[in-house]
PDB file of N, CA and C in Angstrom:
ATOM      1  N   MET A   1     -11.155  -4.170  45.731  1.00  0.00           N
ATOM      2  CA  MET A   1     -10.947  -5.300  44.860  1.00  0.00           C
ATOM      3  C   MET A   1     -11.947  -5.318  43.706  1.00  0.00           C
ATOM      4  N   ARG A   2     -13.212  -4.978  44.017  1.00  0.00           N
ATOM      5  CA  ARG A   2     -14.236  -4.954  42.968  1.00  0.00           C
ATOM      6  C   ARG A   2     -13.886  -3.933  41.893  1.00  0.00           C
ATOM      7  N   ILE A   3     -13.408  -2.774  42.306  1.00  0.00           N
ATOM      8  CA  ILE A   3     -13.046  -1.729  41.348  1.00  0.00           C
ATOM      9  C   ILE A   3     -11.918  -2.239  40.446  1.00  0.00           C
ATOM     10  N   PHE A   4     -10.939  -2.883  41.036  1.00  0.00           N
ATOM     11  CA  PHE A   4      -9.822  -3.425  40.261  1.00  0.00           C
ATOM     12  C   PHE A   4     -10.324  -4.429  39.220  1.00  0.00           C
ATOM     13  N   MET A   5     -11.216  -5.324  39.618  1.00  0.00           N
ATOM     14  CA  MET A   5     -11.762  -6.330  38.703  1.00  0.00           C
ATOM     15  C   MET A   5     -12.565  -5.664  37.580  1.00  0.00           C
ATOM     16  N   LEU A   6     -13.325  -4.650  37.924  1.00  0.00           N
ATOM     17  CA  LEU A   6     -14.119  -3.939  36.930  1.00  0.00           C
ATOM     18  C   LEU A   6     -13.213  -3.238  35.919  1.00  0.00           C
ATOM     19  N   VAL A   7     -12.183  -2.564  36.408  1.00  0.00           N
ATOM     20  CA  VAL A   7     -11.241  -1.874  35.518  1.00  0.00           C
ATOM     21  C   VAL A   7     -10.528  -2.891  34.626  1.00  0.00           C
ATOM     22  N   ALA A   8     -10.102  -4.005  35.207  1.00  0.00           N
ATOM     23  CA  ALA A   8      -9.424  -5.044  34.425  1.00  0.00           C
ATOM     24  C   ALA A   8     -10.340  -5.594  33.343  1.00  0.00           C
ATOM     25  N   ALA A   9     -11.601  -5.824  33.665  1.00  0.00           N
ATOM     26  CA  ALA A   9     -12.564  -6.340  32.691  1.00  0.00           C
ATOM     27  C   ALA A   9     -12.791  -5.331  31.567  1.00  0.00           C
ATOM     28  N   LEU A  10     -12.916  -4.059  31.924  1.00  0.00           N
ATOM     29  CA  LEU A  10     -13.113  -3.023  30.912  1.00  0.00           C
ATOM     30  C   LEU A  10     -11.902  -2.906  29.987  1.00  0.00           C
ATOM     31  N   LEU A  11     -10.724  -2.977  30.557  1.00  0.00           N
ATOM     32  CA  LEU A  11      -9.517  -2.929  29.734  1.00  0.00           C
ATOM     33  C   LEU A  11      -9.446  -4.116  28.788  1.00  0.00           C
ATOM     34  N   LEU A  12      -9.789  -5.287  29.246  1.00  0.00           N
ATOM     35  CA  LEU A  12      -9.782  -6.482  28.417  1.00  0.00           C
ATOM     36  C   LEU A  12     -10.774  -6.363  27.266  1.00  0.00           C
ATOM     37  N   VAL A  13     -11.974  -5.918  27.563  1.00  0.00           N
ATOM     38  CA  VAL A  13     -12.998  -5.745  26.534  1.00  0.00           C
ATOM     39  C   VAL A  13     -12.575  -4.697  25.519  1.00  0.00           C
ATOM     40  N   SER A  14     -12.036  -3.580  25.963  1.00  0.00           N
ATOM     41  CA  SER A  14     -11.635  -2.527  25.036  1.00  0.00           C
ATOM     42  C   SER A  14     -10.460  -2.970  24.180  1.00  0.00           C
ATOM     43  N   ALA A  15      -9.544  -3.756  24.731  1.00  0.00           N
ATOM     44  CA  ALA A  15      -8.410  -4.254  23.955  1.00  0.00           C
ATOM     45  C   ALA A  15      -8.876  -5.202  22.865  1.00  0.00           C
ATOM     46  N   CYS A  16      -9.827  -6.058  23.172  1.00  0.00           N
ATOM     47  CA  CYS A  16     -10.346  -7.011  22.189  1.00  0.00           C
ATOM     48  C   CYS A  16     -11.117  -6.306  21.085  1.00  0.00           C
ATOM     49  N   SER A  17     -11.848  -5.280  21.418  1.00  0.00           N
ATOM     50  CA  SER A  17     -12.681  -4.617  20.425  1.00  0.00           C
ATOM     51  C   SER A  17     -11.891  -3.707  19.500  1.00  0.00           C
ATOM     52  N   SER A  18     -10.674  -3.354  19.868  1.00  0.00           N
ATOM     53  CA  SER A  18      -9.917  -2.429  19.019  1.00  0.00           C
ATOM     54  C   SER A  18      -9.039  -3.141  17.999  1.00  0.00           C
ATOM     55  N   GLN A  19      -9.050  -4.454  17.981  1.00  0.00           N
ATOM     56  CA  GLN A  19      -8.196  -5.186  17.065  1.00  0.00           C
ATOM     57  C   GLN A  19      -8.772  -5.182  15.654  1.00  0.00           C
ATOM     58  N   HIS A  20      -8.266  -4.328  14.824  1.00  0.00           N
ATOM     59  CA  HIS A  20      -8.589  -4.268  13.395  1.00  0.00           C
ATOM     60  C   HIS A  20     -10.081  -4.136  13.093  1.00  0.00           C
ATOM     61  N   THR A  21     -10.817  -3.466  13.934  1.00  0.00           N
ATOM     62  CA  THR A  21     -12.228  -3.260  13.641  1.00  0.00           C
ATOM     63  C   THR A  21     -12.437  -1.986  12.824  1.00  0.00           C
ATOM     64  N   ARG A  22     -11.393  -1.203  12.690  1.00  0.00           N
ATOM     65  CA  ARG A  22     -11.485   0.018  11.912  1.00  0.00           C
ATOM     66  C   ARG A  22     -11.631  -0.337  10.434  1.00  0.00           C
ATOM     67  N   PRO A  23     -12.591   0.246   9.726  1.00  0.00           N
ATOM     68  CA  PRO A  23     -12.753  -0.086   8.310  1.00  0.00           C
ATOM     69  C   PRO A  23     -11.554   0.392   7.493  1.00  0.00           C
ATOM     70  N   GLU A  24     -11.276  -0.335   6.420  1.00  0.00           N
ATOM     71  CA  GLU A  24     -10.189   0.058   5.543  1.00  0.00           C
ATOM     72  C   GLU A  24     -10.556   1.348   4.818  1.00  0.00           C
ATOM     73  N   ALA A  25      -9.545   2.126   4.483  1.00  0.00           N
ATOM     74  CA  ALA A  25      -9.779   3.372   3.765  1.00  0.00           C
ATOM     75  C   ALA A  25     -10.252   3.062   2.350  1.00  0.00           C
ATOM     76  N   ILE A  26     -11.307   3.713   1.944  1.00  0.00           N
ATOM     77  CA  ILE A  26     -11.849   3.524   0.594  1.00  0.00           C
ATOM     78  C   ILE A  26     -11.995   4.892  -0.046  1.00  0.00           C
ATOM     79  N   SER A  27     -11.566   4.984  -1.298  1.00  0.00           N
ATOM     80  CA  SER A  27     -11.766   6.229  -2.030  1.00  0.00           C
ATOM     81  C   SER A  27     -12.094   5.916  -3.478  1.00  0.00           C
ATOM     82  N   SER A  28     -12.673   6.885  -4.149  1.00  0.00           N
ATOM     83  CA  SER A  28     -13.047   6.738  -5.554  1.00  0.00           C
ATOM     84  C   SER A  28     -12.440   7.866  -6.358  1.00  0.00           C
ATOM     85  N   GLY A  29     -12.205   7.583  -7.610  1.00  0.00           N
ATOM     86  CA  GLY A  29     -11.660   8.580  -8.517  1.00  0.00           C
ATOM     87  C   GLY A  29     -11.296   7.930  -9.832  1.00  0.00           C
ATOM     88  N   LYS A  30     -10.355   8.542 -10.532  1.00  0.00           N
ATOM     89  CA  LYS A  30      -9.938   8.020 -11.838  1.00  0.00           C
ATOM     90  C   LYS A  30      -8.560   7.393 -11.743  1.00  0.00           C
ATOM     91  N   ALA A  31      -8.400   6.319 -12.496  1.00  0.00           N
ATOM     92  CA  ALA A  31      -7.115   5.624 -12.567  1.00  0.00           C
ATOM     93  C   ALA A  31      -6.620   5.620 -14.003  1.00  0.00           C
ATOM     94  N   SER A  32      -5.310   5.601 -14.144  1.00  0.00           N
ATOM     95  CA  SER A  32      -4.676   5.414 -15.442  1.00  0.00           C
ATOM     96  C   SER A  32      -3.639   4.315 -15.272  1.00  0.00           C
ATOM     97  N   TRP A  33      -3.014   3.921 -16.378  1.00  0.00           N
ATOM     98  CA  TRP A  33      -1.990   2.882 -16.298  1.00  0.00           C
ATOM     99  C   TRP A  33      -0.736   3.328 -17.023  1.00  0.00           C
ATOM    100  N   TYR A  34       0.377   2.711 -16.634  1.00  0.00           N
ATOM    101  CA  TYR A  34       1.634   2.990 -17.311  1.00  0.00           C
ATOM    102  C   TYR A  34       2.384   1.696 -17.560  1.00  0.00           C
ATOM    103  N   GLY A  35       3.162   1.683 -18.648  1.00  0.00           N
ATOM    104  CA  GLY A  35       3.779   0.433 -19.065  1.00  0.00           C
ATOM    105  C   GLY A  35       5.159   0.586 -19.653  1.00  0.00           C
ATOM    106  N   ALA A  36       5.283   0.244 -20.931  1.00  0.00           N
ATOM    107  CA  ALA A  36       6.578   0.113 -21.614  1.00  0.00           C
ATOM    108  C   ALA A  36       7.461   1.354 -21.513  1.00  0.00           C
ATOM    109  N   GLN A  37       6.878   2.529 -21.553  1.00  0.00           N
ATOM    110  CA  GLN A  37       7.683   3.757 -21.521  1.00  0.00           C
ATOM    111  C   GLN A  37       8.442   3.927 -20.207  1.00  0.00           C
ATOM    112  N   HIS A  38       8.007   3.255 -19.151  1.00  0.00           N
ATOM    113  CA  HIS A  38       8.660   3.356 -17.842  1.00  0.00           C
ATOM    114  C   HIS A  38       9.336   2.047 -17.418  1.00  0.00           C
ATOM    115  N   HIS A  39       9.146   0.983 -18.202  1.00  0.00           N
ATOM    116  CA  HIS A  39       9.674  -0.339 -17.843  1.00  0.00           C
ATOM    117  C   HIS A  39      11.191  -0.283 -17.639  1.00  0.00           C
ATOM    118  N   GLY A  40      11.633  -0.757 -16.487  1.00  0.00           N
ATOM    119  CA  GLY A  40      13.061  -0.792 -16.172  1.00  0.00           C
ATOM    120  C   GLY A  40      13.598   0.449 -15.486  1.00  0.00           C
ATOM    121  N   LYS A  41      12.819   1.530 -15.468  1.00  0.00           N
ATOM    122  CA  LYS A  41      13.265   2.757 -14.799  1.00  0.00           C
ATOM    123  C   LYS A  41      13.023   2.639 -13.299  1.00  0.00           C
ATOM    124  N   LYS A  42      13.803   3.372 -12.528  1.00  0.00           N
ATOM    125  CA  LYS A  42      13.640   3.345 -11.077  1.00  0.00           C
ATOM    126  C   LYS A  42      12.352   4.045 -10.671  1.00  0.00           C
ATOM    127  N   THR A  43      11.657   3.432  -9.718  1.00  0.00           N
ATOM    128  CA  THR A  43      10.464   4.048  -9.137  1.00  0.00           C
ATOM    129  C   THR A  43      10.888   4.892  -7.949  1.00  0.00           C
ATOM    130  N   ALA A  44       9.956   5.611  -7.381  1.00  0.00           N
ATOM    131  CA  ALA A  44      10.251   6.447  -6.210  1.00  0.00           C
ATOM    132  C   ALA A  44      10.708   5.611  -5.013  1.00  0.00           C
ATOM    133  N   SER A  45      10.328   4.341  -4.971  1.00  0.00           N
ATOM    134  CA  SER A  45      10.749   3.469  -3.867  1.00  0.00           C
ATOM    135  C   SER A  45      12.166   2.934  -4.066  1.00  0.00           C
ATOM    136  N   GLY A  46      12.713   3.141  -5.260  1.00  0.00           N
ATOM    137  CA  GLY A  46      14.067   2.673  -5.546  1.00  0.00           C
ATOM    138  C   GLY A  46      14.119   1.387  -6.340  1.00  0.00           C
ATOM    139  N   GLU A  47      12.999   0.681  -6.424  1.00  0.00           N
ATOM    140  CA  GLU A  47      13.007  -0.543  -7.224  1.00  0.00           C
ATOM    141  C   GLU A  47      12.745  -0.214  -8.692  1.00  0.00           C
ATOM    142  N   ARG A  48      13.079  -1.121  -9.556  1.00  0.00           N
ATOM    143  CA  ARG A  48      12.851  -0.937 -10.995  1.00  0.00           C
ATOM    144  C   ARG A  48      11.387  -1.216 -11.321  1.00  0.00           C
ATOM    145  N   PHE A  49      10.805  -0.368 -12.157  1.00  0.00           N
ATOM    146  CA  PHE A  49       9.422  -0.578 -12.572  1.00  0.00           C
ATOM    147  C   PHE A  49       9.352  -1.777 -13.506  1.00  0.00           C
ATOM    148  N   ASN A  50       8.399  -2.654 -13.249  1.00  0.00           N
ATOM    149  CA  ASN A  50       8.161  -3.822 -14.084  1.00  0.00           C
ATOM    150  C   ASN A  50       6.709  -3.770 -14.520  1.00  0.00           C
ATOM    151  N   GLN A  51       6.477  -3.528 -15.791  1.00  0.00           N
ATOM    152  CA  GLN A  51       5.106  -3.407 -16.284  1.00  0.00           C
ATOM    153  C   GLN A  51       4.319  -4.709 -16.167  1.00  0.00           C
ATOM    154  N   HIS A  52       5.011  -5.816 -15.932  1.00  0.00           N
ATOM    155  CA  HIS A  52       4.357  -7.126 -15.809  1.00  0.00           C
ATOM    156  C   HIS A  52       4.020  -7.482 -14.362  1.00  0.00           C
ATOM    157  N   ALA A  53       4.426  -6.642 -13.415  1.00  0.00           N
ATOM    158  CA  ALA A  53       4.131  -6.867 -11.992  1.00  0.00           C
ATOM    159  C   ALA A  53       2.841  -6.138 -11.617  1.00  0.00           C
ATOM    160  N   LEU A  54       2.215  -6.567 -10.551  1.00  0.00           N
ATOM    161  CA  LEU A  54       0.978  -5.925 -10.084  1.00  0.00           C
ATOM    162  C   LEU A  54       1.332  -4.843  -9.069  1.00  0.00           C
ATOM    163  N   THR A  55       1.716  -3.676  -9.607  1.00  0.00           N
ATOM    164  CA  THR A  55       2.149  -2.553  -8.786  1.00  0.00           C
ATOM    165  C   THR A  55       1.402  -1.289  -9.183  1.00  0.00           C
ATOM    166  N   ALA A  56       1.607  -0.231  -8.377  1.00  0.00           N
ATOM    167  CA  ALA A  56       0.909   1.021  -8.643  1.00  0.00           C
ATOM    168  C   ALA A  56       1.647   2.202  -8.038  1.00  0.00           C
ATOM    169  N   ALA A  57       1.277   3.380  -8.523  1.00  0.00           N
ATOM    170  CA  ALA A  57       1.784   4.641  -7.986  1.00  0.00           C
ATOM    171  C   ALA A  57       0.630   5.367  -7.302  1.00  0.00           C
ATOM    172  N   HIS A  58       0.912   5.880  -6.112  1.00  0.00           N
ATOM    173  CA  HIS A  58      -0.071   6.659  -5.354  1.00  0.00           C
ATOM    174  C   HIS A  58       0.660   7.840  -4.732  1.00  0.00           C
ATOM    175  N   ARG A  59      -0.028   8.955  -4.571  1.00  0.00           N
ATOM    176  CA  ARG A  59       0.633  10.164  -4.068  1.00  0.00           C
ATOM    177  C   ARG A  59       1.149  10.043  -2.641  1.00  0.00           C
ATOM    178  N   ASN A  60       0.400   9.365  -1.756  1.00  0.00           N
ATOM    179  CA  ASN A  60       0.841   9.386  -0.365  1.00  0.00           C
ATOM    180  C   ASN A  60       0.729   8.086   0.415  1.00  0.00           C
ATOM    181  N   LEU A  61       0.219   7.020  -0.143  1.00  0.00           N
ATOM    182  CA  LEU A  61       0.208   5.745   0.575  1.00  0.00           C
ATOM    183  C   LEU A  61       1.638   5.235   0.722  1.00  0.00           C
ATOM    184  N   ALA A  62       1.920   4.585   1.825  1.00  0.00           N
ATOM    185  CA  ALA A  62       3.269   4.072   2.087  1.00  0.00           C
ATOM    186  C   ALA A  62       3.657   3.003   1.063  1.00  0.00           C
ATOM    187  N   PHE A  63       4.934   2.988   0.713  1.00  0.00           N
ATOM    188  CA  PHE A  63       5.434   1.944  -0.171  1.00  0.00           C
ATOM    189  C   PHE A  63       5.187   0.594   0.487  1.00  0.00           C
ATOM    190  N   GLY A  64       4.762  -0.360  -0.302  1.00  0.00           N
ATOM    191  CA  GLY A  64       4.461  -1.694   0.209  1.00  0.00           C
ATOM    192  C   GLY A  64       3.003  -1.898   0.569  1.00  0.00           C
ATOM    193  N   THR A  65       2.224  -0.817   0.634  1.00  0.00           N
ATOM    194  CA  THR A  65       0.806  -0.935   0.939  1.00  0.00           C
ATOM    195  C   THR A  65       0.112  -1.696  -0.178  1.00  0.00           C
ATOM    196  N   ARG A  66      -0.738  -2.617   0.198  1.00  0.00           N
ATOM    197  CA  ARG A  66      -1.524  -3.368  -0.787  1.00  0.00           C
ATOM    198  C   ARG A  66      -2.897  -2.709  -0.905  1.00  0.00           C
ATOM    199  N   VAL A  67      -3.332  -2.543  -2.148  1.00  0.00           N
ATOM    200  CA  VAL A  67      -4.565  -1.832  -2.442  1.00  0.00           C
ATOM    201  C   VAL A  67      -5.385  -2.642  -3.435  1.00  0.00           C
ATOM    202  N   LYS A  68      -6.673  -2.754  -3.154  1.00  0.00           N
ATOM    203  CA  LYS A  68      -7.594  -3.382  -4.106  1.00  0.00           C
ATOM    204  C   LYS A  68      -8.149  -2.280  -4.995  1.00  0.00           C
ATOM    205  N   VAL A  69      -7.968  -2.428  -6.306  1.00  0.00           N
ATOM    206  CA  VAL A  69      -8.457  -1.456  -7.280  1.00  0.00           C
ATOM    207  C   VAL A  69      -9.604  -2.110  -8.043  1.00  0.00           C
ATOM    208  N   THR A  70     -10.773  -1.476  -8.018  1.00  0.00           N
ATOM    209  CA  THR A  70     -11.953  -2.018  -8.689  1.00  0.00           C
ATOM    210  C   THR A  70     -12.381  -1.087  -9.814  1.00  0.00           C
ATOM    211  N   ASN A  71     -12.477  -1.647 -11.019  1.00  0.00           N
ATOM    212  CA  ASN A  71     -12.976  -0.930 -12.182  1.00  0.00           C
ATOM    213  C   ASN A  71     -14.474  -0.760 -11.978  1.00  0.00           C
ATOM    214  N   ARG A  72     -14.936   0.475 -11.881  1.00  0.00           N
ATOM    215  CA  ARG A  72     -16.352   0.735 -11.603  1.00  0.00           C
ATOM    216  C   ARG A  72     -17.232   0.530 -12.829  1.00  0.00           C
ATOM    217  N   LEU A  73     -16.642   0.315 -13.997  1.00  0.00           N
ATOM    218  CA  LEU A  73     -17.428   0.069 -15.209  1.00  0.00           C
ATOM    219  C   LEU A  73     -17.816  -1.401 -15.350  1.00  0.00           C
ATOM    220  N   ASN A  74     -16.955  -2.309 -14.831  1.00  0.00           N
ATOM    221  CA  ASN A  74     -17.245  -3.735 -14.989  1.00  0.00           C
ATOM    222  C   ASN A  74     -17.119  -4.532 -13.678  1.00  0.00           C
ATOM    223  N   ASN A  75     -16.780  -3.857 -12.601  1.00  0.00           N
ATOM    224  CA  ASN A  75     -16.660  -4.449 -11.264  1.00  0.00           C
ATOM    225  C   ASN A  75     -15.517  -5.456 -11.130  1.00  0.00           C
ATOM    226  N   LYS A  76     -14.571  -5.471 -12.064  1.00  0.00           N
ATOM    227  CA  LYS A  76     -13.398  -6.340 -11.947  1.00  0.00           C
ATOM    228  C   LYS A  76     -12.387  -5.681 -11.025  1.00  0.00           C
ATOM    229  N   SER A  77     -11.691  -6.503 -10.212  1.00  0.00           N
ATOM    230  CA  SER A  77     -10.739  -5.980  -9.238  1.00  0.00           C
ATOM    231  C   SER A  77      -9.374  -6.640  -9.382  1.00  0.00           C
ATOM    232  N   VAL A  78      -8.366  -5.923  -8.895  1.00  0.00           N
ATOM    233  CA  VAL A  78      -7.007  -6.439  -8.837  1.00  0.00           C
ATOM    234  C   VAL A  78      -6.355  -5.872  -7.578  1.00  0.00           C
ATOM    235  N   THR A  79      -5.477  -6.658  -6.982  1.00  0.00           N
ATOM    236  CA  THR A  79      -4.711  -6.178  -5.828  1.00  0.00           C
ATOM    237  C   THR A  79      -3.320  -5.801  -6.298  1.00  0.00           C
ATOM    238  N   VAL A  80      -2.909  -4.580  -5.955  1.00  0.00           N
ATOM    239  CA  VAL A  80      -1.594  -4.068  -6.356  1.00  0.00           C
ATOM    240  C   VAL A  80      -0.816  -3.633  -5.116  1.00  0.00           C
ATOM    241  N   ARG A  81       0.491  -3.524  -5.298  1.00  0.00           N
ATOM    242  CA  ARG A  81       1.374  -3.047  -4.230  1.00  0.00           C
ATOM    243  C   ARG A  81       1.901  -1.678  -4.632  1.00  0.00           C
ATOM    244  N   ILE A  82       1.825  -0.720  -3.724  1.00  0.00           N
ATOM    245  CA  ILE A  82       2.315   0.630  -4.005  1.00  0.00           C
ATOM    246  C   ILE A  82       3.842   0.626  -3.959  1.00  0.00           C
ATOM    247  N   ASN A  83       4.469   1.046  -5.078  1.00  0.00           N
ATOM    248  CA  ASN A  83       5.930   1.123  -5.123  1.00  0.00           C
ATOM    249  C   ASN A  83       6.429   2.393  -5.813  1.00  0.00           C
ATOM    250  N   ASP A  84       5.510   3.311  -6.120  1.00  0.00           N
ATOM    251  CA  ASP A  84       5.908   4.519  -6.837  1.00  0.00           C
ATOM    252  C   ASP A  84       5.008   5.674  -6.412  1.00  0.00           C
ATOM    253  N   ARG A  85       5.394   6.885  -6.791  1.00  0.00           N
ATOM    254  CA  ARG A  85       4.603   8.088  -6.520  1.00  0.00           C
ATOM    255  C   ARG A  85       3.926   8.546  -7.799  1.00  0.00           C
ATOM    256  N   GLY A  86       2.792   9.134  -7.655  1.00  0.00           N
ATOM    257  CA  GLY A  86       2.000   9.614  -8.777  1.00  0.00           C
ATOM    258  C   GLY A  86       0.544   9.334  -8.436  1.00  0.00           C
ATOM    259  N   PRO A  87      -0.362   9.520  -9.323  1.00  0.00           N
ATOM    260  CA  PRO A  87      -0.178  10.059 -10.669  1.00  0.00           C
ATOM    261  C   PRO A  87       0.007  11.577 -10.636  1.00  0.00           C
ATOM    262  N   TYR A  88       0.556  12.076 -11.697  1.00  0.00           N
ATOM    263  CA  TYR A  88       0.815  13.511 -11.783  1.00  0.00           C
ATOM    264  C   TYR A  88      -0.196  14.235 -12.655  1.00  0.00           C
ATOM    265  N   SER A  89      -1.131  13.493 -13.240  1.00  0.00           N
ATOM    266  CA  SER A  89      -2.200  14.105 -14.025  1.00  0.00           C
ATOM    267  C   SER A  89      -3.339  14.497 -13.091  1.00  0.00           C
ATOM    268  N   LYS A  90      -3.850  15.682 -13.267  1.00  0.00           N
ATOM    269  CA  LYS A  90      -4.913  16.196 -12.407  1.00  0.00           C
ATOM    270  C   LYS A  90      -6.159  15.308 -12.493  1.00  0.00           C
ATOM    271  N   GLY A  91      -6.764  15.073 -11.350  1.00  0.00           N
ATOM    272  CA  GLY A  91      -8.006  14.323 -11.305  1.00  0.00           C
ATOM    273  C   GLY A  91      -7.852  12.821 -11.183  1.00  0.00           C
ATOM    274  N   ARG A  92      -6.622  12.318 -11.161  1.00  0.00           N
ATOM    275  CA  ARG A  92      -6.404  10.875 -11.037  1.00  0.00           C
ATOM    276  C   ARG A  92      -5.899  10.541  -9.640  1.00  0.00           C
ATOM    277  N   ILE A  93      -6.334   9.388  -9.115  1.00  0.00           N
ATOM    278  CA  ILE A  93      -5.935   9.017  -7.763  1.00  0.00           C
ATOM    279  C   ILE A  93      -4.909   7.900  -7.717  1.00  0.00           C
ATOM    280  N   ILE A  94      -4.755   7.145  -8.817  1.00  0.00           N
ATOM    281  CA  ILE A  94      -3.805   6.025  -8.831  1.00  0.00           C
ATOM    282  C   ILE A  94      -3.396   5.730 -10.265  1.00  0.00           C
ATOM    283  N   ASP A  95      -2.134   5.341 -10.446  1.00  0.00           N
ATOM    284  CA  ASP A  95      -1.615   4.826 -11.718  1.00  0.00           C
ATOM    285  C   ASP A  95      -1.260   3.371 -11.472  1.00  0.00           C
ATOM    286  N   ILE A  96      -1.764   2.466 -12.300  1.00  0.00           N
ATOM    287  CA  ILE A  96      -1.447   1.057 -12.118  1.00  0.00           C
ATOM    288  C   ILE A  96      -0.596   0.539 -13.272  1.00  0.00           C
ATOM    289  N   SER A  97       0.096  -0.545 -13.031  1.00  0.00           N
ATOM    290  CA  SER A  97       0.944  -1.140 -14.060  1.00  0.00           C
ATOM    291  C   SER A  97       0.093  -1.729 -15.188  1.00  0.00           C
ATOM    292  N   ARG A  98       0.751  -1.988 -16.305  1.00  0.00           N
ATOM    293  CA  ARG A  98       0.053  -2.578 -17.446  1.00  0.00           C
ATOM    294  C   ARG A  98      -0.590  -3.910 -17.061  1.00  0.00           C
ATOM    295  N   ALA A  99       0.142  -4.753 -16.326  1.00  0.00           N
ATOM    296  CA  ALA A  99      -0.398  -6.057 -15.926  1.00  0.00           C
ATOM    297  C   ALA A  99      -1.670  -5.897 -15.102  1.00  0.00           C
ATOM    298  N   ALA A 100      -1.679  -4.941 -14.184  1.00  0.00           N
ATOM    299  CA  ALA A 100      -2.867  -4.693 -13.367  1.00  0.00           C
ATOM    300  C   ALA A 100      -4.005  -4.171 -14.230  1.00  0.00           C
ATOM    301  N   ALA A 101      -3.680  -3.302 -15.179  1.00  0.00           N
ATOM    302  CA  ALA A 101      -4.694  -2.749 -16.086  1.00  0.00           C
ATOM    303  C   ALA A 101      -5.339  -3.853 -16.924  1.00  0.00           C
ATOM    304  N   GLU A 102      -4.538  -4.820 -17.349  1.00  0.00           N
ATOM    305  CA  GLU A 102      -5.075  -5.952 -18.111  1.00  0.00           C
ATOM    306  C   GLU A 102      -6.079  -6.738 -17.282  1.00  0.00           C
ATOM    307  N   LYS A 103      -5.766  -6.951 -16.003  1.00  0.00           N
ATOM    308  CA  LYS A 103      -6.626  -7.750 -15.132  1.00  0.00           C
ATOM    309  C   LYS A 103      -8.022  -7.140 -14.970  1.00  0.00           C
ATOM    310  N   ILE A 104      -8.115  -5.814 -15.039  1.00  0.00           N
ATOM    311  CA  ILE A 104      -9.424  -5.176 -14.857  1.00  0.00           C
ATOM    312  C   ILE A 104      -9.978  -4.599 -16.168  1.00  0.00           C
ATOM    313  N   ASP A 105      -9.407  -5.037 -17.285  1.00  0.00           N
ATOM    314  CA  ASP A 105      -9.882  -4.652 -18.630  1.00  0.00           C
ATOM    315  C   ASP A 105      -9.976  -3.149 -18.851  1.00  0.00           C
ATOM    316  N   MET A 106      -8.851  -2.453 -18.615  1.00  0.00           N
ATOM    317  CA  MET A 106      -8.875  -1.008 -18.838  1.00  0.00           C
ATOM    318  C   MET A 106      -7.868  -0.537 -19.884  1.00  0.00           C
ATOM    319  N   LEU A 107      -7.171  -1.450 -20.549  1.00  0.00           N
ATOM    320  CA  LEU A 107      -6.135  -1.043 -21.497  1.00  0.00           C
ATOM    321  C   LEU A 107      -6.680  -0.159 -22.618  1.00  0.00           C
ATOM    322  N   GLN A 108      -7.816  -0.501 -23.174  1.00  0.00           N
ATOM    323  CA  GLN A 108      -8.366   0.259 -24.297  1.00  0.00           C
ATOM    324  C   GLN A 108      -8.808   1.668 -23.899  1.00  0.00           C
ATOM    325  N   ARG A 109      -9.394   1.820 -22.739  1.00  0.00           N
ATOM    326  CA  ARG A 109      -9.883   3.126 -22.296  1.00  0.00           C
ATOM    327  C   ARG A 109      -8.767   4.029 -21.799  1.00  0.00           C
ATOM    328  N   GLY A 110      -7.778   3.456 -21.126  1.00  0.00           N
ATOM    329  CA  GLY A 110      -6.668   4.258 -20.613  1.00  0.00           C
ATOM    330  C   GLY A 110      -6.935   4.890 -19.262  1.00  0.00           C
ATOM    331  N   VAL A 111      -8.066   5.543 -19.116  1.00  0.00           N
ATOM    332  CA  VAL A 111      -8.455   6.175 -17.849  1.00  0.00           C
ATOM    333  C   VAL A 111      -9.880   5.725 -17.541  1.00  0.00           C
ATOM    334  N   ILE A 112     -10.073   5.249 -16.305  1.00  0.00           N
ATOM    335  CA  ILE A 112     -11.394   4.742 -15.914  1.00  0.00           C
ATOM    336  C   ILE A 112     -11.729   5.177 -14.488  1.00  0.00           C
ATOM    337  N   PRO A 113     -13.025   5.142 -14.147  1.00  0.00           N
ATOM    338  CA  PRO A 113     -13.398   5.378 -12.743  1.00  0.00           C
ATOM    339  C   PRO A 113     -13.112   4.121 -11.929  1.00  0.00           C
ATOM    340  N   VAL A 114     -12.516   4.315 -10.767  1.00  0.00           N
ATOM    341  CA  VAL A 114     -12.179   3.175  -9.895  1.00  0.00           C
ATOM    342  C   VAL A 114     -12.538   3.476  -8.451  1.00  0.00           C
ATOM    343  N   GLN A 115     -12.569   2.406  -7.706  1.00  0.00           N
ATOM    344  CA  GLN A 115     -12.646   2.502  -6.243  1.00  0.00           C
ATOM    345  C   GLN A 115     -11.383   1.829  -5.735  1.00  0.00           C
ATOM    346  N   ILE A 116     -10.701   2.458  -4.779  1.00  0.00           N
ATOM    347  CA  ILE A 116      -9.527   1.821  -4.186  1.00  0.00           C
ATOM    348  C   ILE A 116      -9.779   1.582  -2.715  1.00  0.00           C
ATOM    349  N   GLN A 117      -9.318   0.427  -2.257  1.00  0.00           N
ATOM    350  CA  GLN A 117      -9.496   0.021  -0.869  1.00  0.00           C
ATOM    351  C   GLN A 117      -8.151  -0.450  -0.331  1.00  0.00           C
ATOM    352  N   VAL A 118      -7.711   0.147   0.762  1.00  0.00           N
ATOM    353  CA  VAL A 118      -6.448  -0.236   1.377  1.00  0.00           C
ATOM    354  C   VAL A 118      -6.649  -1.567   2.090  1.00  0.00           C
ATOM    355  N   LEU A 119      -5.774  -2.535   1.765  1.00  0.00           N
ATOM    356  CA  LEU A 119      -5.868  -3.863   2.370  1.00  0.00           C
ATOM    357  C   LEU A 119      -4.867  -4.032   3.501  1.00  0.00           C
ATOM    358  N   ARG A 120      -3.807  -3.286   3.535  1.00  0.00           N
ATOM    359  CA  ARG A 120      -2.718  -3.265   4.525  1.00  0.00           C
ATOM    360  C   ARG A 120      -1.444  -3.722   3.926  1.00  0.00           C
TER     361      ARG A 120
END
């Protein structure tokens, strides 16, 4: 009986400790933005691209994943939803919509260093 109680207690403790204690994935690199030239065209997820929505393209994150993008030059952040694939330019890790780019003040530069954090 003692062994059973000990095993049950250990299972309970391990179940409680595994609930979302894993840190979110964080990566750094360069981001660019896209807007009017793609507005209204279908994205890889099948929805129409809207340059006024807070969306982004990433090479392998699942569609619907929410990501916090932080401009490393001014520390401004925006949360975007992945709905497209890309970027296709070498050295870039994410393409964000024009609206998202406005929120983190990157329109003038075009390409900036960012940190991305998966929110779920």
